[in-house]
Amino acid sequence: MALTQQQIENIQIDYGIVYVNYGETDEKQLGPTRGGGEFVATATIRDIEYDGSKGKTKGMQVVDDITAQLNVTQLNTSMDTLKMALPFAKYDEVTGKLSVGADSIGIIPDSAYLKNITMFAKTVKGEYKKITLYNALSENGLTLAAAPKAEGTIALNVFAHWDATDDTKNLFEIEDVESIE
């Protein structure tokens, strides 16, 4: 089977370049990372069962919910990264301490959510797939191991969140862009 030039040009290569709050005044590149980034989008699809059904039936399925996440292994153990991994923690800029106490229990404040997290994945053509997750929040907690002859890594599993006050906003977007602006 011969490939078309367009198929070849759309092969995704290399690691992902990840930004926090891309396009915003507080935009910053996330890094250094290890292993690139992994985008995962899933939907819970429910089959409408009815008498006489032979199995999955076109037109008889409902999307109950959709989730999207970006998984990145971070080498940077800065307080910014730790705050991202622990969105329920409190950071005191004066003392430079990140703490978790009784006041960390309850509703996660809006300020803990990133406006977005965006990954650029390069293609053979030299362009990028731009994947943006909105209202992003890391939900997997923090594991940081200090080991001899190794680097500490932080696994960030950042989920996109729907906006409860505006249900017209997108959960995530994927687009082709010529360059990283």
N, C-alpha and C. Protein backbone atom coordinates (compact mmCIF):
# COMPACT_ATOMS: atom_id res chain seq x y z
N MET A 1 0.84 -1.19 0.00
CA MET A 1 0.00 0.00 0.00
C MET A 1 0.88 1.24 0.00
N ALA A 2 0.74 2.07 -0.96
CA ALA A 2 1.49 3.32 -1.05
C ALA A 2 0.82 4.40 -0.20
N LEU A 3 1.65 5.18 0.46
CA LEU A 3 1.14 6.29 1.26
C LEU A 3 1.04 7.54 0.42
N THR A 4 0.09 8.40 0.78
CA THR A 4 0.01 9.70 0.11
C THR A 4 0.98 10.65 0.81
N GLN A 5 1.37 11.71 0.13
CA GLN A 5 2.25 12.71 0.74
C GLN A 5 1.59 13.33 1.96
N GLN A 6 0.27 13.54 1.89
CA GLN A 6 -0.45 14.13 3.03
C GLN A 6 -0.41 13.19 4.24
N GLN A 7 -0.53 11.89 4.02
CA GLN A 7 -0.45 10.94 5.13
C GLN A 7 0.93 11.00 5.78
N ILE A 8 1.95 11.07 4.98
CA ILE A 8 3.32 11.15 5.51
C ILE A 8 3.51 12.44 6.29
N GLU A 9 3.05 13.56 5.75
CA GLU A 9 3.23 14.86 6.39
C GLU A 9 2.49 14.96 7.73
N ASN A 10 1.44 14.17 7.92
CA ASN A 10 0.65 14.23 9.14
C ASN A 10 1.13 13.27 10.22
N ILE A 11 2.24 12.60 10.01
CA ILE A 11 2.79 11.74 11.05
C ILE A 11 3.34 12.62 12.16
N GLN A 12 2.90 12.35 13.38
CA GLN A 12 3.36 13.12 14.53
C GLN A 12 4.70 12.56 14.98
N ILE A 13 5.66 13.45 15.16
CA ILE A 13 7.01 13.05 15.56
C ILE A 13 7.45 13.84 16.79
N ASP A 14 8.40 13.31 17.49
CA ASP A 14 9.09 14.01 18.56
C ASP A 14 8.19 14.22 19.77
N TYR A 15 8.74 14.89 20.77
CA TYR A 15 8.06 15.14 22.03
C TYR A 15 7.05 16.28 21.90
N GLY A 16 6.19 16.42 22.87
CA GLY A 16 5.26 17.54 22.90
C GLY A 16 5.85 18.69 23.69
N ILE A 17 5.57 19.89 23.25
CA ILE A 17 5.96 21.11 23.96
C ILE A 17 4.72 21.60 24.68
N VAL A 18 4.82 21.76 25.99
CA VAL A 18 3.64 22.04 26.80
C VAL A 18 3.74 23.43 27.43
N TYR A 19 2.64 24.17 27.35
CA TYR A 19 2.53 25.50 27.95
C TYR A 19 1.37 25.52 28.94
N VAL A 20 1.56 26.27 30.02
CA VAL A 20 0.50 26.55 30.97
C VAL A 20 -0.04 27.94 30.64
N ASN A 21 -1.36 28.07 30.55
CA ASN A 21 -2.04 29.33 30.25
C ASN A 21 -1.54 29.95 28.94
N TYR A 22 -1.44 29.12 27.91
CA TYR A 22 -0.96 29.57 26.61
C TYR A 22 -1.84 30.70 26.07
N GLY A 23 -1.18 31.75 25.58
CA GLY A 23 -1.89 32.90 25.02
C GLY A 23 -2.38 33.90 26.05
N GLU A 24 -2.11 33.64 27.31
CA GLU A 24 -2.52 34.53 28.39
C GLU A 24 -1.30 35.33 28.86
N THR A 25 -1.52 36.36 29.67
CA THR A 25 -0.40 37.19 30.13
C THR A 25 0.55 36.42 31.05
N ASP A 26 0.06 35.38 31.69
CA ASP A 26 0.91 34.58 32.60
C ASP A 26 1.36 33.27 31.95
N GLU A 27 1.42 33.24 30.63
CA GLU A 27 1.85 32.06 29.89
C GLU A 27 3.27 31.66 30.28
N LYS A 28 3.49 30.34 30.43
CA LYS A 28 4.84 29.85 30.65
C LYS A 28 4.96 28.43 30.10
N GLN A 29 6.17 28.14 29.64
CA GLN A 29 6.43 26.80 29.12
C GLN A 29 6.67 25.87 30.30
N LEU A 30 6.08 24.69 30.24
CA LEU A 30 6.26 23.68 31.27
C LEU A 30 7.47 22.84 30.92
N GLY A 31 8.40 22.77 31.83
CA GLY A 31 9.56 21.96 31.50
C GLY A 31 10.63 22.12 32.55
N PRO A 32 11.64 21.33 32.48
CA PRO A 32 11.81 20.27 31.50
C PRO A 32 10.90 19.08 31.80
N THR A 33 10.54 18.36 30.74
CA THR A 33 9.69 17.19 30.87
C THR A 33 10.47 15.96 30.43
N ARG A 34 9.94 14.81 30.73
CA ARG A 34 10.55 13.55 30.28
C ARG A 34 9.43 12.70 29.67
N GLY A 35 9.72 12.19 28.47
CA GLY A 35 8.75 11.31 27.82
C GLY A 35 7.67 12.05 27.07
N GLY A 36 7.83 13.35 26.89
CA GLY A 36 6.84 14.11 26.13
C GLY A 36 5.53 14.27 26.89
N GLY A 37 4.46 14.38 26.15
CA GLY A 37 3.14 14.51 26.74
C GLY A 37 2.19 13.53 26.09
N GLU A 38 1.15 13.18 26.81
CA GLU A 38 0.15 12.25 26.29
C GLU A 38 -1.23 12.86 26.49
N PHE A 39 -1.97 13.04 25.40
CA PHE A 39 -3.34 13.55 25.45
C PHE A 39 -4.29 12.37 25.38
N VAL A 40 -5.30 12.38 26.25
CA VAL A 40 -6.29 11.31 26.28
C VAL A 40 -7.68 11.95 26.36
N ALA A 41 -8.55 11.62 25.42
CA ALA A 41 -9.94 12.06 25.45
C ALA A 41 -10.82 10.81 25.43
N THR A 42 -11.77 10.76 26.35
CA THR A 42 -12.66 9.61 26.41
C THR A 42 -14.09 10.07 26.61
N ALA A 43 -14.99 9.26 26.11
CA ALA A 43 -16.41 9.52 26.30
C ALA A 43 -17.05 8.26 26.86
N THR A 44 -17.99 8.45 27.76
CA THR A 44 -18.79 7.33 28.25
C THR A 44 -20.00 7.25 27.33
N ILE A 45 -20.05 6.18 26.56
CA ILE A 45 -21.14 5.99 25.61
C ILE A 45 -22.05 4.88 26.14
N ARG A 46 -23.30 5.21 26.28
CA ARG A 46 -24.31 4.27 26.79
C ARG A 46 -25.17 3.78 25.63
N ASP A 47 -25.32 2.46 25.56
CA ASP A 47 -26.21 1.88 24.56
C ASP A 47 -27.63 1.87 25.10
N ILE A 48 -28.57 2.32 24.28
CA ILE A 48 -29.98 2.25 24.65
C ILE A 48 -30.44 0.83 24.31
N GLU A 49 -30.72 0.10 25.36
CA GLU A 49 -31.14 -1.28 25.16
C GLU A 49 -32.64 -1.32 24.92
N TYR A 50 -33.05 -2.18 24.03
CA TYR A 50 -34.47 -2.34 23.74
C TYR A 50 -34.72 -3.80 23.36
N ASP A 51 -35.95 -4.24 23.53
CA ASP A 51 -36.31 -5.61 23.20
C ASP A 51 -36.05 -5.86 21.73
N GLY A 52 -35.38 -6.93 21.43
CA GLY A 52 -35.07 -7.29 20.05
C GLY A 52 -33.74 -6.78 19.56
N SER A 53 -33.02 -6.02 20.40
CA SER A 53 -31.72 -5.49 20.01
C SER A 53 -30.74 -6.64 19.80
N LYS A 54 -29.94 -6.51 18.75
CA LYS A 54 -28.93 -7.53 18.46
C LYS A 54 -27.54 -7.10 18.95
N GLY A 55 -27.45 -5.95 19.59
CA GLY A 55 -26.19 -5.41 20.07
C GLY A 55 -26.12 -3.92 19.82
N LYS A 56 -24.93 -3.41 19.68
CA LYS A 56 -24.73 -1.97 19.44
C LYS A 56 -25.49 -1.58 18.18
N THR A 57 -26.28 -0.51 18.28
CA THR A 57 -27.16 -0.12 17.18
C THR A 57 -26.98 1.36 16.88
N LYS A 58 -26.72 1.66 15.61
CA LYS A 58 -26.58 3.06 15.17
C LYS A 58 -27.84 3.84 15.53
N GLY A 59 -27.62 5.03 16.08
CA GLY A 59 -28.74 5.88 16.46
C GLY A 59 -29.31 5.57 17.84
N MET A 60 -28.78 4.53 18.47
CA MET A 60 -29.28 4.13 19.78
C MET A 60 -28.17 4.19 20.82
N GLN A 61 -27.32 5.22 20.70
CA GLN A 61 -26.25 5.43 21.66
C GLN A 61 -26.26 6.87 22.13
N VAL A 62 -25.91 7.05 23.39
CA VAL A 62 -25.92 8.37 24.01
C VAL A 62 -24.55 8.61 24.64
N VAL A 63 -24.00 9.81 24.43
CA VAL A 63 -22.79 10.20 25.14
C VAL A 63 -23.22 10.78 26.48
N ASP A 64 -22.83 10.09 27.56
CA ASP A 64 -23.20 10.54 28.91
C ASP A 64 -22.23 11.57 29.45
N ASP A 65 -20.93 11.40 29.21
CA ASP A 65 -19.95 12.39 29.65
C ASP A 65 -18.68 12.26 28.83
N ILE A 66 -17.89 13.31 28.86
CA ILE A 66 -16.63 13.38 28.10
C ILE A 66 -15.56 13.90 29.05
N THR A 67 -14.40 13.25 29.02
CA THR A 67 -13.26 13.73 29.80
C THR A 67 -12.06 13.88 28.88
N ALA A 68 -11.17 14.77 29.25
CA ALA A 68 -9.92 14.97 28.51
C ALA A 68 -8.82 15.24 29.51
N GLN A 69 -7.65 14.68 29.24
CA GLN A 69 -6.52 14.92 30.14
C GLN A 69 -5.22 14.95 29.36
N LEU A 70 -4.26 15.62 29.95
CA LEU A 70 -2.91 15.68 29.42
C LEU A 70 -1.99 15.15 30.52
N ASN A 71 -1.22 14.12 30.18
CA ASN A 71 -0.28 13.51 31.13
C ASN A 71 1.13 13.93 30.75
N VAL A 72 1.84 14.49 31.71
CA VAL A 72 3.19 15.00 31.49
C VAL A 72 4.04 14.62 32.69
N THR A 73 5.25 14.14 32.43
CA THR A 73 6.19 13.87 33.50
C THR A 73 7.14 15.06 33.59
N GLN A 74 7.12 15.71 34.72
CA GLN A 74 7.84 16.96 34.93
C GLN A 74 9.10 16.71 35.76
N LEU A 75 10.20 17.30 35.35
CA LEU A 75 11.44 17.23 36.12
C LEU A 75 11.63 18.45 37.02
N ASN A 76 10.95 19.52 36.72
CA ASN A 76 11.08 20.77 37.46
C ASN A 76 10.32 20.65 38.79
N THR A 77 11.05 20.69 39.89
CA THR A 77 10.41 20.58 41.21
C THR A 77 10.20 21.95 41.86
N SER A 78 10.01 22.97 41.06
CA SER A 78 9.77 24.31 41.60
C SER A 78 8.46 24.32 42.38
N MET A 79 8.28 25.34 43.19
CA MET A 79 7.04 25.49 43.95
C MET A 79 5.84 25.63 43.00
N ASP A 80 6.04 26.26 41.84
CA ASP A 80 4.95 26.37 40.86
C ASP A 80 4.48 24.98 40.42
N THR A 81 5.43 24.08 40.17
CA THR A 81 5.07 22.72 39.77
C THR A 81 4.38 21.98 40.91
N LEU A 82 4.91 22.13 42.12
CA LEU A 82 4.30 21.47 43.27
C LEU A 82 2.89 22.00 43.52
N LYS A 83 2.69 23.31 43.37
CA LYS A 83 1.34 23.89 43.51
C LYS A 83 0.40 23.32 42.45
N MET A 84 0.91 23.10 41.23
CA MET A 84 0.09 22.54 40.17
C MET A 84 -0.32 21.10 40.52
N ALA A 85 0.61 20.33 41.09
CA ALA A 85 0.33 18.95 41.46
C ALA A 85 -0.61 18.85 42.67
N LEU A 86 -0.60 19.88 43.51
CA LEU A 86 -1.42 19.90 44.73
C LEU A 86 -2.33 21.13 44.73
N PRO A 87 -3.36 21.13 43.89
CA PRO A 87 -4.18 22.35 43.76
C PRO A 87 -4.95 22.72 45.03
N PHE A 88 -5.02 21.84 46.00
CA PHE A 88 -5.71 22.10 47.26
C PHE A 88 -4.78 22.68 48.32
N ALA A 89 -3.47 22.71 48.03
CA ALA A 89 -2.49 23.21 48.99
C ALA A 89 -2.48 24.74 49.00
N LYS A 90 -1.98 25.28 50.08
CA LYS A 90 -1.85 26.74 50.24
C LYS A 90 -0.37 27.10 50.12
N TYR A 91 -0.07 28.14 49.35
CA TYR A 91 1.31 28.58 49.20
C TYR A 91 1.47 29.96 49.80
N ASP A 92 2.44 30.11 50.66
CA ASP A 92 2.76 31.37 51.30
C ASP A 92 4.00 31.93 50.61
N GLU A 93 3.83 33.00 49.84
CA GLU A 93 4.94 33.58 49.08
C GLU A 93 6.00 34.20 50.00
N VAL A 94 5.61 34.64 51.18
CA VAL A 94 6.55 35.26 52.11
C VAL A 94 7.50 34.20 52.68
N THR A 95 6.96 33.10 53.15
CA THR A 95 7.80 32.06 53.76
C THR A 95 8.32 31.06 52.71
N GLY A 96 7.68 31.03 51.54
CA GLY A 96 8.07 30.06 50.51
C GLY A 96 7.63 28.65 50.83
N LYS A 97 6.59 28.53 51.67
CA LYS A 97 6.12 27.21 52.09
C LYS A 97 4.80 26.86 51.41
N LEU A 98 4.71 25.59 51.07
CA LEU A 98 3.48 25.01 50.55
C LEU A 98 2.95 24.11 51.65
N SER A 99 1.71 24.32 52.06
CA SER A 99 1.20 23.54 53.19
C SER A 99 -0.19 23.00 52.89
N VAL A 100 -0.47 21.88 53.53
CA VAL A 100 -1.80 21.27 53.46
C VAL A 100 -2.29 21.10 54.88
N GLY A 101 -3.44 21.68 55.15
CA GLY A 101 -4.03 21.61 56.48
C GLY A 101 -5.52 21.43 56.38
N ALA A 102 -6.18 21.64 57.49
CA ALA A 102 -7.63 21.46 57.55
C ALA A 102 -8.35 22.36 56.56
N ASP A 103 -7.78 23.54 56.27
CA ASP A 103 -8.42 24.46 55.33
C ASP A 103 -8.25 24.02 53.87
N SER A 104 -7.54 22.91 53.63
CA SER A 104 -7.39 22.39 52.27
C SER A 104 -8.57 21.49 51.88
N ILE A 105 -9.39 21.14 52.84
CA ILE A 105 -10.55 20.28 52.60
C ILE A 105 -11.70 21.17 52.13
N GLY A 106 -12.45 20.70 51.17
CA GLY A 106 -13.62 21.44 50.69
C GLY A 106 -13.50 21.76 49.21
N ILE A 107 -14.24 22.73 48.76
CA ILE A 107 -14.29 23.11 47.35
C ILE A 107 -12.93 23.66 46.92
N ILE A 108 -12.45 23.18 45.80
CA ILE A 108 -11.20 23.70 45.24
C ILE A 108 -11.51 25.08 44.65
N PRO A 109 -10.75 26.11 45.03
CA PRO A 109 -11.05 27.46 44.54
C PRO A 109 -10.78 27.62 43.04
N ASP A 110 -11.50 28.51 42.41
CA ASP A 110 -11.32 28.78 40.98
C ASP A 110 -9.88 29.13 40.65
N SER A 111 -9.19 29.80 41.57
CA SER A 111 -7.81 30.22 41.32
C SER A 111 -6.85 29.04 41.16
N ALA A 112 -7.23 27.85 41.61
CA ALA A 112 -6.38 26.67 41.48
C ALA A 112 -6.40 26.10 40.05
N TYR A 113 -7.44 26.43 39.29
CA TYR A 113 -7.56 25.92 37.93
C TYR A 113 -6.72 26.76 36.98
N LEU A 114 -6.00 26.10 36.10
CA LEU A 114 -5.28 26.80 35.04
C LEU A 114 -6.30 27.25 34.00
N LYS A 115 -6.06 28.39 33.37
CA LYS A 115 -6.96 28.80 32.28
C LYS A 115 -6.94 27.75 31.18
N ASN A 116 -5.73 27.26 30.89
CA ASN A 116 -5.58 26.19 29.91
C ASN A 116 -4.22 25.53 30.09
N ILE A 117 -4.10 24.37 29.52
CA ILE A 117 -2.82 23.72 29.33
C ILE A 117 -2.81 23.28 27.88
N THR A 118 -1.73 23.60 27.17
CA THR A 118 -1.67 23.41 25.73
C THR A 118 -0.42 22.65 25.35
N MET A 119 -0.60 21.63 24.51
CA MET A 119 0.54 20.87 24.01
C MET A 119 0.62 21.04 22.50
N PHE A 120 1.83 21.27 22.02
CA PHE A 120 2.12 21.33 20.60
C PHE A 120 2.88 20.06 20.23
N ALA A 121 2.34 19.31 19.27
CA ALA A 121 2.97 18.07 18.82
C ALA A 121 3.35 18.23 17.35
N LYS A 122 4.64 18.15 17.06
CA LYS A 122 5.18 18.41 15.72
C LYS A 122 4.85 17.27 14.75
N THR A 123 4.64 17.64 13.48
CA THR A 123 4.40 16.66 12.43
C THR A 123 5.58 16.66 11.45
N VAL A 124 5.64 15.63 10.62
CA VAL A 124 6.70 15.53 9.62
C VAL A 124 6.74 16.78 8.75
N LYS A 125 5.59 17.35 8.45
CA LYS A 125 5.50 18.55 7.60
C LYS A 125 6.16 19.76 8.25
N GLY A 126 6.39 19.70 9.57
CA GLY A 126 6.99 20.84 10.26
C GLY A 126 5.95 21.72 10.92
N GLU A 127 4.70 21.34 10.81
CA GLU A 127 3.63 22.07 11.48
C GLU A 127 3.32 21.37 12.80
N TYR A 128 2.28 21.81 13.49
CA TYR A 128 1.97 21.27 14.81
C TYR A 128 0.49 20.97 14.95
N LYS A 129 0.20 19.96 15.77
CA LYS A 129 -1.14 19.74 16.31
C LYS A 129 -1.15 20.51 17.61
N LYS A 130 -2.05 21.44 17.75
CA LYS A 130 -2.18 22.23 18.97
C LYS A 130 -3.38 21.67 19.73
N ILE A 131 -3.13 21.17 20.94
CA ILE A 131 -4.18 20.57 21.77
C ILE A 131 -4.31 21.41 23.03
N THR A 132 -5.47 21.98 23.24
CA THR A 132 -5.70 22.88 24.38
C THR A 132 -6.81 22.34 25.26
N LEU A 133 -6.52 22.18 26.54
CA LEU A 133 -7.51 21.78 27.53
C LEU A 133 -7.82 23.00 28.38
N TYR A 134 -9.11 23.24 28.61
CA TYR A 134 -9.54 24.43 29.35
C TYR A 134 -9.91 24.08 30.80
N ASN A 135 -9.78 25.09 31.67
CA ASN A 135 -10.08 24.92 33.10
C ASN A 135 -9.35 23.68 33.62
N ALA A 136 -8.05 23.68 33.45
CA ALA A 136 -7.23 22.50 33.70
C ALA A 136 -6.79 22.40 35.16
N LEU A 137 -6.80 21.17 35.67
CA LEU A 137 -6.44 20.93 37.06
C LEU A 137 -5.82 19.55 37.18
N SER A 138 -4.67 19.47 37.83
CA SER A 138 -4.03 18.18 38.08
C SER A 138 -4.74 17.52 39.25
N GLU A 139 -5.11 16.25 39.08
CA GLU A 139 -5.91 15.58 40.10
C GLU A 139 -5.27 14.33 40.68
N ASN A 140 -4.05 14.01 40.30
CA ASN A 140 -3.48 12.74 40.76
C ASN A 140 -2.60 12.86 41.99
N GLY A 141 -2.50 14.04 42.57
CA GLY A 141 -1.68 14.19 43.76
C GLY A 141 -0.21 14.32 43.42
N LEU A 142 0.63 14.04 44.39
CA LEU A 142 2.06 14.25 44.21
C LEU A 142 2.83 13.05 44.75
N THR A 143 3.71 12.53 43.91
CA THR A 143 4.69 11.55 44.33
C THR A 143 6.04 12.08 43.88
N LEU A 144 6.96 12.25 44.81
CA LEU A 144 8.29 12.74 44.48
C LEU A 144 9.29 11.85 45.19
N ALA A 145 10.03 11.08 44.41
CA ALA A 145 11.01 10.16 44.97
C ALA A 145 12.41 10.72 44.73
N ALA A 146 13.21 10.70 45.78
CA ALA A 146 14.61 11.09 45.67
C ALA A 146 15.42 9.80 45.71
N ALA A 147 16.12 9.52 44.62
CA ALA A 147 16.86 8.26 44.52
C ALA A 147 18.27 8.54 44.02
N PRO A 148 19.23 7.70 44.43
CA PRO A 148 20.60 7.91 43.95
C PRO A 148 20.70 7.66 42.45
N LYS A 149 21.53 8.47 41.80
CA LYS A 149 21.78 8.38 40.36
C LYS A 149 20.50 8.44 39.54
N ALA A 150 19.57 9.28 39.98
CA ALA A 150 18.30 9.45 39.27
C ALA A 150 17.77 10.85 39.55
N GLU A 151 16.83 11.26 38.75
CA GLU A 151 16.18 12.55 38.92
C GLU A 151 14.78 12.32 39.48
N GLY A 152 14.37 13.25 40.33
CA GLY A 152 12.99 13.20 40.81
C GLY A 152 12.06 13.63 39.69
N THR A 153 10.95 12.93 39.55
CA THR A 153 9.97 13.30 38.53
C THR A 153 8.61 13.48 39.20
N ILE A 154 7.79 14.32 38.59
CA ILE A 154 6.43 14.56 39.07
C ILE A 154 5.49 14.25 37.92
N ALA A 155 4.62 13.29 38.14
CA ALA A 155 3.62 12.93 37.13
C ALA A 155 2.43 13.87 37.29
N LEU A 156 2.19 14.67 36.26
CA LEU A 156 1.02 15.56 36.25
C LEU A 156 -0.02 14.96 35.33
N ASN A 157 -1.19 14.67 35.88
CA ASN A 157 -2.34 14.23 35.09
C ASN A 157 -3.35 15.35 35.16
N VAL A 158 -3.31 16.22 34.16
CA VAL A 158 -4.10 17.45 34.17
C VAL A 158 -5.39 17.23 33.37
N PHE A 159 -6.51 17.40 34.04
CA PHE A 159 -7.82 17.19 33.42
C PHE A 159 -8.45 18.51 33.01
N ALA A 160 -9.14 18.50 31.88
CA ALA A 160 -9.97 19.63 31.47
C ALA A 160 -11.28 19.56 32.26
N HIS A 161 -11.86 20.73 32.55
CA HIS A 161 -13.10 20.78 33.31
C HIS A 161 -14.12 21.65 32.59
N TRP A 162 -15.34 21.19 32.60
CA TRP A 162 -16.44 21.99 32.06
C TRP A 162 -16.62 23.22 32.93
N ASP A 163 -17.15 24.29 32.36
CA ASP A 163 -17.43 25.52 33.09
C ASP A 163 -18.89 25.49 33.51
N ALA A 164 -19.14 25.39 34.81
CA ALA A 164 -20.51 25.28 35.32
C ALA A 164 -21.34 26.54 35.06
N THR A 165 -20.69 27.69 34.88
CA THR A 165 -21.43 28.94 34.67
C THR A 165 -21.62 29.28 33.20
N ASP A 166 -20.95 28.54 32.31
CA ASP A 166 -21.10 28.80 30.87
C ASP A 166 -20.94 27.49 30.12
N ASP A 167 -22.06 26.82 29.86
CA ASP A 167 -22.02 25.51 29.21
C ASP A 167 -21.81 25.59 27.70
N THR A 168 -21.52 26.78 27.18
CA THR A 168 -21.21 26.91 25.75
C THR A 168 -19.71 26.84 25.49
N LYS A 169 -18.91 26.89 26.56
CA LYS A 169 -17.45 26.86 26.40
C LYS A 169 -16.97 25.44 26.12
N ASN A 170 -15.94 25.34 25.29
CA ASN A 170 -15.38 24.05 24.93
C ASN A 170 -14.59 23.45 26.08
N LEU A 171 -14.58 22.13 26.14
CA LEU A 171 -13.78 21.39 27.10
C LEU A 171 -12.32 21.35 26.63
N PHE A 172 -12.14 21.07 25.32
CA PHE A 172 -10.81 21.07 24.72
C PHE A 172 -10.95 21.34 23.23
N GLU A 173 -9.82 21.66 22.61
CA GLU A 173 -9.76 21.91 21.16
C GLU A 173 -8.49 21.30 20.60
N ILE A 174 -8.59 20.80 19.39
CA ILE A 174 -7.42 20.31 18.64
C ILE A 174 -7.43 21.03 17.30
N GLU A 175 -6.29 21.61 16.94
CA GLU A 175 -6.22 22.30 15.66
C GLU A 175 -4.82 22.17 15.05
N ASP A 176 -4.75 22.37 13.74
CA ASP A 176 -3.47 22.42 13.03
C ASP A 176 -2.98 23.86 13.03
N VAL A 177 -1.71 24.06 13.39
CA VAL A 177 -1.10 25.39 13.33
C VAL A 177 0.25 25.27 12.65
N GLU A 178 0.64 26.31 11.95
CA GLU A 178 1.89 26.29 11.22
C GLU A 178 3.09 26.41 12.13
N SER A 179 2.95 27.14 13.23
CA SER A 179 4.07 27.32 14.14
C SER A 179 3.57 27.58 15.55
N ILE A 180 4.48 27.54 16.48
CA ILE A 180 4.16 27.91 17.86
C ILE A 180 4.34 29.42 17.93
N GLU A 181 3.26 30.14 18.10
CA GLU A 181 3.30 31.61 18.09
C GLU A 181 4.10 32.13 19.23
